[in-house]
Amino acid sequence: HDNDQHFNQSYQASSPADDFAQQIFQRVWQDLGLRDYMETVRSEASTAVEAARHGDYSFAMEFARERKVLIASTLLPFALLLRFPGLIGVAMRVAALFSVAVLQQLPTGVAWGLMRNVWLRVFRR
């Protein structure tokens, strides 16, 4: 949450177009319920980890049972990359090309706001 506060403070000095883009982005996350979902998963995972540290693995088993798809969608790509290391280069090229294609389709103000958001989250920690 400290990084979010730092990001929000630095983001407040932005232009009205950036503020509008940020509001739309937050509204989409809220409408889709992604923020609530992420907070729920984070809370359940931290509870499971804390209980496992004390020797109670029942919370971890319950988390794994309820979040099979999430775990599989995380571990399967990782396993594929370990098995086929050449996929790393291919995946990076595809991701870069996809990102450029998406950015070209966005309005200029939204694209700049999005890239500013990415820059601040990645490089200003």
N, C-alpha and C. Protein backbone atom coordinates (compact mmCIF):
# COMPACT_ATOMS: atom_id res chain seq x y z
N HIS A 1 0.81 -1.20 0.00
CA HIS A 1 0.00 0.00 0.00
C HIS A 1 0.85 1.27 0.00
N ASP A 2 2.09 1.18 0.53
CA ASP A 2 2.96 2.34 0.53
C ASP A 2 3.31 2.76 -0.89
N ASN A 3 3.57 1.77 -1.77
CA ASN A 3 3.86 2.09 -3.15
C ASN A 3 2.66 2.75 -3.82
N ASP A 4 1.46 2.28 -3.52
CA ASP A 4 0.25 2.88 -4.08
C ASP A 4 0.10 4.32 -3.63
N GLN A 5 0.38 4.58 -2.34
CA GLN A 5 0.28 5.95 -1.84
C GLN A 5 1.31 6.84 -2.51
N HIS A 6 2.55 6.32 -2.65
CA HIS A 6 3.60 7.09 -3.30
C HIS A 6 3.20 7.36 -4.75
N PHE A 7 2.69 6.34 -5.43
CA PHE A 7 2.26 6.50 -6.82
C PHE A 7 1.14 7.52 -6.92
N ASN A 8 0.16 7.43 -6.04
CA ASN A 8 -0.97 8.35 -6.08
C ASN A 8 -0.52 9.79 -5.82
N GLN A 9 0.44 9.97 -4.91
CA GLN A 9 0.94 11.32 -4.63
C GLN A 9 1.66 11.88 -5.85
N SER A 10 2.49 11.06 -6.49
CA SER A 10 3.21 11.55 -7.66
C SER A 10 2.27 11.70 -8.84
N TYR A 11 1.20 10.96 -8.86
CA TYR A 11 0.25 11.03 -9.97
C TYR A 11 -0.64 12.26 -9.86
N GLN A 12 -0.79 12.81 -8.68
CA GLN A 12 -1.66 13.96 -8.48
C GLN A 12 -1.14 15.20 -9.20
N ALA A 13 0.12 15.25 -9.52
CA ALA A 13 0.70 16.39 -10.20
C ALA A 13 0.56 16.26 -11.72
N SER A 14 -0.37 15.46 -12.19
CA SER A 14 -0.50 15.21 -13.62
C SER A 14 -1.53 16.14 -14.24
N SER A 15 -1.64 16.03 -15.56
CA SER A 15 -2.57 16.88 -16.31
C SER A 15 -4.01 16.36 -16.17
N PRO A 16 -5.00 17.19 -16.53
CA PRO A 16 -6.40 16.75 -16.46
C PRO A 16 -6.68 15.52 -17.33
N ALA A 17 -6.01 15.41 -18.48
CA ALA A 17 -6.20 14.24 -19.34
C ALA A 17 -5.72 12.98 -18.64
N ASP A 18 -4.59 13.09 -17.94
CA ASP A 18 -4.06 11.94 -17.19
C ASP A 18 -5.00 11.56 -16.06
N ASP A 19 -5.56 12.58 -15.39
CA ASP A 19 -6.50 12.32 -14.30
C ASP A 19 -7.74 11.61 -14.83
N PHE A 20 -8.23 12.05 -15.97
CA PHE A 20 -9.41 11.44 -16.57
C PHE A 20 -9.12 9.99 -16.95
N ALA A 21 -7.96 9.74 -17.55
CA ALA A 21 -7.58 8.37 -17.94
C ALA A 21 -7.46 7.49 -16.70
N GLN A 22 -6.88 8.03 -15.64
CA GLN A 22 -6.74 7.26 -14.40
C GLN A 22 -8.10 6.94 -13.79
N GLN A 23 -9.02 7.91 -13.83
CA GLN A 23 -10.37 7.67 -13.31
C GLN A 23 -11.09 6.59 -14.10
N ILE A 24 -10.94 6.61 -15.41
CA ILE A 24 -11.57 5.58 -16.25
C ILE A 24 -10.97 4.22 -15.92
N PHE A 25 -9.65 4.16 -15.81
CA PHE A 25 -8.98 2.90 -15.50
C PHE A 25 -9.46 2.34 -14.16
N GLN A 26 -9.54 3.20 -13.15
CA GLN A 26 -10.01 2.76 -11.83
C GLN A 26 -11.47 2.33 -11.88
N ARG A 27 -12.28 3.03 -12.66
CA ARG A 27 -13.70 2.69 -12.77
C ARG A 27 -13.89 1.32 -13.43
N VAL A 28 -13.10 1.03 -14.46
CA VAL A 28 -13.18 -0.28 -15.11
C VAL A 28 -12.80 -1.38 -14.13
N TRP A 29 -11.72 -1.17 -13.39
CA TRP A 29 -11.31 -2.17 -12.39
C TRP A 29 -12.42 -2.37 -11.37
N GLN A 30 -13.03 -1.28 -10.95
CA GLN A 30 -14.10 -1.36 -9.95
C GLN A 30 -15.33 -2.06 -10.54
N ASP A 31 -15.73 -1.68 -11.75
CA ASP A 31 -16.91 -2.27 -12.37
C ASP A 31 -16.74 -3.77 -12.61
N LEU A 32 -15.55 -4.17 -12.97
CA LEU A 32 -15.29 -5.59 -13.21
C LEU A 32 -15.09 -6.36 -11.91
N GLY A 33 -14.91 -5.66 -10.82
CA GLY A 33 -14.70 -6.32 -9.53
C GLY A 33 -13.29 -6.85 -9.35
N LEU A 34 -12.37 -6.40 -10.18
CA LEU A 34 -11.01 -6.93 -10.12
C LEU A 34 -10.28 -6.48 -8.85
N ARG A 35 -10.53 -5.26 -8.43
CA ARG A 35 -9.86 -4.79 -7.21
C ARG A 35 -10.30 -5.63 -6.01
N ASP A 36 -11.61 -5.87 -5.89
CA ASP A 36 -12.11 -6.69 -4.78
C ASP A 36 -11.57 -8.12 -4.86
N TYR A 37 -11.53 -8.65 -6.08
CA TYR A 37 -11.01 -10.01 -6.27
C TYR A 37 -9.55 -10.08 -5.85
N MET A 38 -8.74 -9.11 -6.27
CA MET A 38 -7.32 -9.12 -5.92
C MET A 38 -7.13 -8.98 -4.41
N GLU A 39 -7.92 -8.14 -3.77
CA GLU A 39 -7.80 -7.98 -2.32
C GLU A 39 -8.21 -9.27 -1.61
N THR A 40 -9.25 -9.94 -2.10
CA THR A 40 -9.68 -11.21 -1.50
C THR A 40 -8.60 -12.27 -1.65
N VAL A 41 -8.05 -12.39 -2.85
CA VAL A 41 -7.00 -13.40 -3.09
C VAL A 41 -5.78 -13.08 -2.23
N ARG A 42 -5.39 -11.82 -2.17
CA ARG A 42 -4.22 -11.43 -1.37
C ARG A 42 -4.45 -11.76 0.11
N SER A 43 -5.65 -11.48 0.61
CA SER A 43 -5.97 -11.76 2.01
C SER A 43 -5.96 -13.26 2.30
N GLU A 44 -6.61 -14.03 1.41
CA GLU A 44 -6.64 -15.47 1.60
C GLU A 44 -5.25 -16.08 1.52
N ALA A 45 -4.45 -15.61 0.58
CA ALA A 45 -3.09 -16.14 0.43
C ALA A 45 -2.23 -15.82 1.65
N SER A 46 -2.34 -14.60 2.16
CA SER A 46 -1.52 -14.25 3.33
C SER A 46 -1.96 -15.04 4.56
N THR A 47 -3.27 -15.29 4.69
CA THR A 47 -3.76 -16.13 5.79
C THR A 47 -3.22 -17.54 5.67
N ALA A 48 -3.24 -18.08 4.45
CA ALA A 48 -2.75 -19.44 4.22
C ALA A 48 -1.26 -19.54 4.50
N VAL A 49 -0.49 -18.56 4.07
CA VAL A 49 0.96 -18.57 4.31
C VAL A 49 1.26 -18.46 5.80
N GLU A 50 0.57 -17.57 6.47
CA GLU A 50 0.81 -17.38 7.90
C GLU A 50 0.46 -18.65 8.68
N ALA A 51 -0.66 -19.29 8.33
CA ALA A 51 -1.04 -20.53 9.00
C ALA A 51 -0.03 -21.63 8.70
N ALA A 52 0.47 -21.69 7.47
CA ALA A 52 1.46 -22.71 7.10
C ALA A 52 2.76 -22.52 7.87
N ARG A 53 3.12 -21.28 8.17
CA ARG A 53 4.33 -21.03 8.96
C ARG A 53 4.22 -21.62 10.36
N HIS A 54 2.97 -21.70 10.84
CA HIS A 54 2.74 -22.25 12.17
C HIS A 54 2.37 -23.73 12.13
N GLY A 55 2.50 -24.35 10.96
CA GLY A 55 2.28 -25.78 10.83
C GLY A 55 0.87 -26.20 10.46
N ASP A 56 -0.05 -25.26 10.26
CA ASP A 56 -1.43 -25.59 9.87
C ASP A 56 -1.58 -25.40 8.37
N TYR A 57 -1.61 -26.53 7.64
CA TYR A 57 -1.68 -26.47 6.18
C TYR A 57 -3.11 -26.55 5.65
N SER A 58 -4.09 -26.56 6.52
CA SER A 58 -5.48 -26.68 6.06
C SER A 58 -5.91 -25.43 5.27
N PHE A 59 -5.46 -24.25 5.68
CA PHE A 59 -5.81 -23.03 4.93
C PHE A 59 -5.16 -23.04 3.55
N ALA A 60 -3.92 -23.53 3.48
CA ALA A 60 -3.24 -23.60 2.19
C ALA A 60 -3.94 -24.59 1.26
N MET A 61 -4.38 -25.72 1.80
CA MET A 61 -5.10 -26.71 0.98
C MET A 61 -6.43 -26.13 0.50
N GLU A 62 -7.12 -25.43 1.37
CA GLU A 62 -8.39 -24.81 0.99
C GLU A 62 -8.18 -23.73 -0.08
N PHE A 63 -7.13 -22.94 0.09
CA PHE A 63 -6.81 -21.91 -0.91
C PHE A 63 -6.51 -22.57 -2.26
N ALA A 64 -5.73 -23.63 -2.24
CA ALA A 64 -5.38 -24.33 -3.48
C ALA A 64 -6.62 -24.94 -4.13
N ARG A 65 -7.53 -25.47 -3.33
CA ARG A 65 -8.76 -26.06 -3.86
C ARG A 65 -9.65 -25.00 -4.50
N GLU A 66 -9.77 -23.85 -3.86
CA GLU A 66 -10.63 -22.79 -4.37
C GLU A 66 -10.01 -22.03 -5.54
N ARG A 67 -8.70 -21.98 -5.61
CA ARG A 67 -8.02 -21.16 -6.62
C ARG A 67 -7.20 -22.01 -7.59
N LYS A 68 -7.75 -23.16 -8.00
CA LYS A 68 -7.03 -24.06 -8.92
C LYS A 68 -6.65 -23.36 -10.22
N VAL A 69 -7.59 -22.63 -10.80
CA VAL A 69 -7.34 -21.99 -12.09
C VAL A 69 -6.26 -20.91 -11.95
N LEU A 70 -6.32 -20.15 -10.89
CA LEU A 70 -5.31 -19.11 -10.67
C LEU A 70 -3.92 -19.73 -10.53
N ILE A 71 -3.83 -20.78 -9.76
CA ILE A 71 -2.54 -21.44 -9.55
C ILE A 71 -2.04 -22.07 -10.85
N ALA A 72 -2.94 -22.72 -11.59
CA ALA A 72 -2.56 -23.33 -12.86
C ALA A 72 -2.13 -22.28 -13.87
N SER A 73 -2.84 -21.16 -13.90
CA SER A 73 -2.48 -20.11 -14.87
C SER A 73 -1.16 -19.44 -14.52
N THR A 74 -0.70 -19.62 -13.31
CA THR A 74 0.59 -19.09 -12.90
C THR A 74 1.70 -20.11 -13.12
N LEU A 75 1.44 -21.35 -12.71
CA LEU A 75 2.48 -22.38 -12.76
C LEU A 75 2.69 -22.98 -14.15
N LEU A 76 1.63 -23.11 -14.93
CA LEU A 76 1.76 -23.71 -16.26
C LEU A 76 2.70 -22.92 -17.17
N PRO A 77 2.53 -21.60 -17.30
CA PRO A 77 3.50 -20.87 -18.13
C PRO A 77 4.93 -20.97 -17.59
N PHE A 78 5.07 -20.95 -16.28
CA PHE A 78 6.40 -21.08 -15.68
C PHE A 78 7.01 -22.43 -16.03
N ALA A 79 6.23 -23.49 -15.93
CA ALA A 79 6.72 -24.83 -16.27
C ALA A 79 7.09 -24.91 -17.75
N LEU A 80 6.28 -24.32 -18.62
CA LEU A 80 6.59 -24.32 -20.05
C LEU A 80 7.89 -23.58 -20.34
N LEU A 81 8.10 -22.46 -19.65
CA LEU A 81 9.34 -21.72 -19.86
C LEU A 81 10.56 -22.48 -19.36
N LEU A 82 10.40 -23.24 -18.28
CA LEU A 82 11.51 -24.06 -17.81
C LEU A 82 11.80 -25.21 -18.79
N ARG A 83 10.74 -25.76 -19.35
CA ARG A 83 10.90 -26.87 -20.29
C ARG A 83 11.42 -26.42 -21.64
N PHE A 84 10.95 -25.26 -22.11
CA PHE A 84 11.34 -24.73 -23.41
C PHE A 84 11.87 -23.30 -23.24
N PRO A 85 13.15 -23.14 -22.85
CA PRO A 85 13.69 -21.81 -22.58
C PRO A 85 13.63 -20.85 -23.77
N GLY A 86 13.61 -21.38 -24.98
CA GLY A 86 13.52 -20.53 -26.16
C GLY A 86 12.23 -19.74 -26.23
N LEU A 87 11.22 -20.22 -25.50
CA LEU A 87 9.94 -19.51 -25.50
C LEU A 87 10.03 -18.14 -24.83
N ILE A 88 11.04 -17.94 -24.01
CA ILE A 88 11.19 -16.65 -23.33
C ILE A 88 11.37 -15.53 -24.36
N GLY A 89 12.27 -15.74 -25.30
CA GLY A 89 12.50 -14.74 -26.34
C GLY A 89 11.27 -14.53 -27.20
N VAL A 90 10.62 -15.62 -27.57
CA VAL A 90 9.41 -15.52 -28.39
C VAL A 90 8.32 -14.77 -27.62
N ALA A 91 8.14 -15.10 -26.35
CA ALA A 91 7.11 -14.45 -25.53
C ALA A 91 7.40 -12.96 -25.39
N MET A 92 8.66 -12.59 -25.22
CA MET A 92 9.00 -11.17 -25.09
C MET A 92 8.72 -10.43 -26.39
N ARG A 93 9.04 -11.04 -27.52
CA ARG A 93 8.77 -10.39 -28.81
C ARG A 93 7.27 -10.23 -29.04
N VAL A 94 6.52 -11.29 -28.76
CA VAL A 94 5.06 -11.22 -28.95
C VAL A 94 4.46 -10.17 -28.02
N ALA A 95 4.91 -10.14 -26.77
CA ALA A 95 4.39 -9.15 -25.81
C ALA A 95 4.71 -7.73 -26.28
N ALA A 96 5.91 -7.51 -26.77
CA ALA A 96 6.30 -6.18 -27.24
C ALA A 96 5.46 -5.78 -28.45
N LEU A 97 5.30 -6.68 -29.40
CA LEU A 97 4.50 -6.37 -30.60
C LEU A 97 3.04 -6.13 -30.25
N PHE A 98 2.51 -6.94 -29.34
CA PHE A 98 1.12 -6.77 -28.92
C PHE A 98 0.94 -5.42 -28.22
N SER A 99 1.89 -5.07 -27.35
CA SER A 99 1.81 -3.79 -26.63
C SER A 99 1.84 -2.61 -27.59
N VAL A 100 2.72 -2.67 -28.57
CA VAL A 100 2.81 -1.58 -29.55
C VAL A 100 1.52 -1.50 -30.35
N ALA A 101 0.97 -2.64 -30.75
CA ALA A 101 -0.27 -2.65 -31.53
C ALA A 101 -1.43 -2.05 -30.72
N VAL A 102 -1.51 -2.40 -29.45
CA VAL A 102 -2.58 -1.86 -28.59
C VAL A 102 -2.39 -0.36 -28.39
N LEU A 103 -1.16 0.06 -28.11
CA LEU A 103 -0.90 1.48 -27.89
C LEU A 103 -1.22 2.33 -29.12
N GLN A 104 -1.00 1.78 -30.30
CA GLN A 104 -1.30 2.52 -31.53
C GLN A 104 -2.79 2.73 -31.72
N GLN A 105 -3.60 1.86 -31.16
CA GLN A 105 -5.05 1.97 -31.31
C GLN A 105 -5.69 2.89 -30.28
N LEU A 106 -4.98 3.20 -29.21
CA LEU A 106 -5.52 4.05 -28.15
C LEU A 106 -5.37 5.52 -28.52
N PRO A 107 -6.27 6.37 -28.01
CA PRO A 107 -6.07 7.81 -28.19
C PRO A 107 -4.75 8.24 -27.55
N THR A 108 -4.15 9.27 -28.11
CA THR A 108 -2.81 9.68 -27.68
C THR A 108 -2.74 9.98 -26.19
N GLY A 109 -3.72 10.70 -25.65
CA GLY A 109 -3.70 11.04 -24.23
C GLY A 109 -3.78 9.82 -23.34
N VAL A 110 -4.61 8.86 -23.73
CA VAL A 110 -4.76 7.63 -22.94
C VAL A 110 -3.48 6.80 -23.02
N ALA A 111 -2.88 6.73 -24.22
CA ALA A 111 -1.64 5.96 -24.38
C ALA A 111 -0.53 6.56 -23.52
N TRP A 112 -0.40 7.89 -23.54
CA TRP A 112 0.63 8.54 -22.72
C TRP A 112 0.36 8.31 -21.24
N GLY A 113 -0.89 8.43 -20.83
CA GLY A 113 -1.24 8.20 -19.43
C GLY A 113 -0.94 6.78 -19.00
N LEU A 114 -1.26 5.83 -19.86
CA LEU A 114 -0.98 4.42 -19.56
C LEU A 114 0.51 4.16 -19.44
N MET A 115 1.27 4.67 -20.38
CA MET A 115 2.72 4.46 -20.33
C MET A 115 3.35 5.17 -19.14
N ARG A 116 2.82 6.33 -18.77
CA ARG A 116 3.30 7.04 -17.58
C ARG A 116 3.03 6.19 -16.33
N ASN A 117 1.84 5.61 -16.29
CA ASN A 117 1.45 4.74 -15.19
C ASN A 117 2.42 3.55 -15.08
N VAL A 118 2.70 2.92 -16.21
CA VAL A 118 3.64 1.78 -16.22
C VAL A 118 5.02 2.23 -15.77
N TRP A 119 5.48 3.34 -16.30
CA TRP A 119 6.82 3.85 -15.96
C TRP A 119 6.92 4.09 -14.45
N LEU A 120 5.94 4.76 -13.88
CA LEU A 120 5.99 5.08 -12.45
C LEU A 120 5.95 3.82 -11.59
N ARG A 121 5.13 2.86 -11.99
CA ARG A 121 5.02 1.64 -11.19
C ARG A 121 6.27 0.76 -11.30
N VAL A 122 6.93 0.77 -12.44
CA VAL A 122 8.09 -0.11 -12.64
C VAL A 122 9.37 0.52 -12.12
N PHE A 123 9.61 1.79 -12.44
CA PHE A 123 10.92 2.38 -12.19
C PHE A 123 11.00 3.28 -10.97
N ARG A 124 9.89 3.62 -10.36
CA ARG A 124 9.95 4.52 -9.20
C ARG A 124 9.47 3.82 -7.95
N ARG A 125 10.19 2.82 -7.56
CA ARG A 125 9.83 2.06 -6.36
C ARG A 125 10.69 2.46 -5.21
